[in-house]
Amino acid sequence: MSTPAVRMYTTAVCPYCLRAKDLLQRRGVRQIEELRVDLDPQARQAMMRSTGRRTVPQIYIGDTHVGGCDDLYALDASGGLQELLRAAGEGQRG
């Protein structure tokens, strides 16, 4: 796959972005495409159009919009995160 299966809208100083990235890395994600909305106003506009939300992080795994950090942790707690990562081609355990 030429593009990462995990895409995340972030800012530089967002603690929730850091928590989300940490969880994804612990689940085996090796590459996260970060779209910095604090540096790119067009990325913020694209995020708001595609998610209907203004806050970061906004996380996509494959074509699925997971939501924010709390949504990601809830998905992980329910067991759905690993399944979604496998389907997107990420999260292989080594």
Foldseek 3Di string as FASTA:
>chain_A
DPDFQKEWEAADPDPQQVLQVVVQVVLFFDDYHYDYCVVPVVVQVVCCVVPVDNDDTFMGGRNDTQGTSVSQVVCVVVVNPNVSQVVSVGRDDD
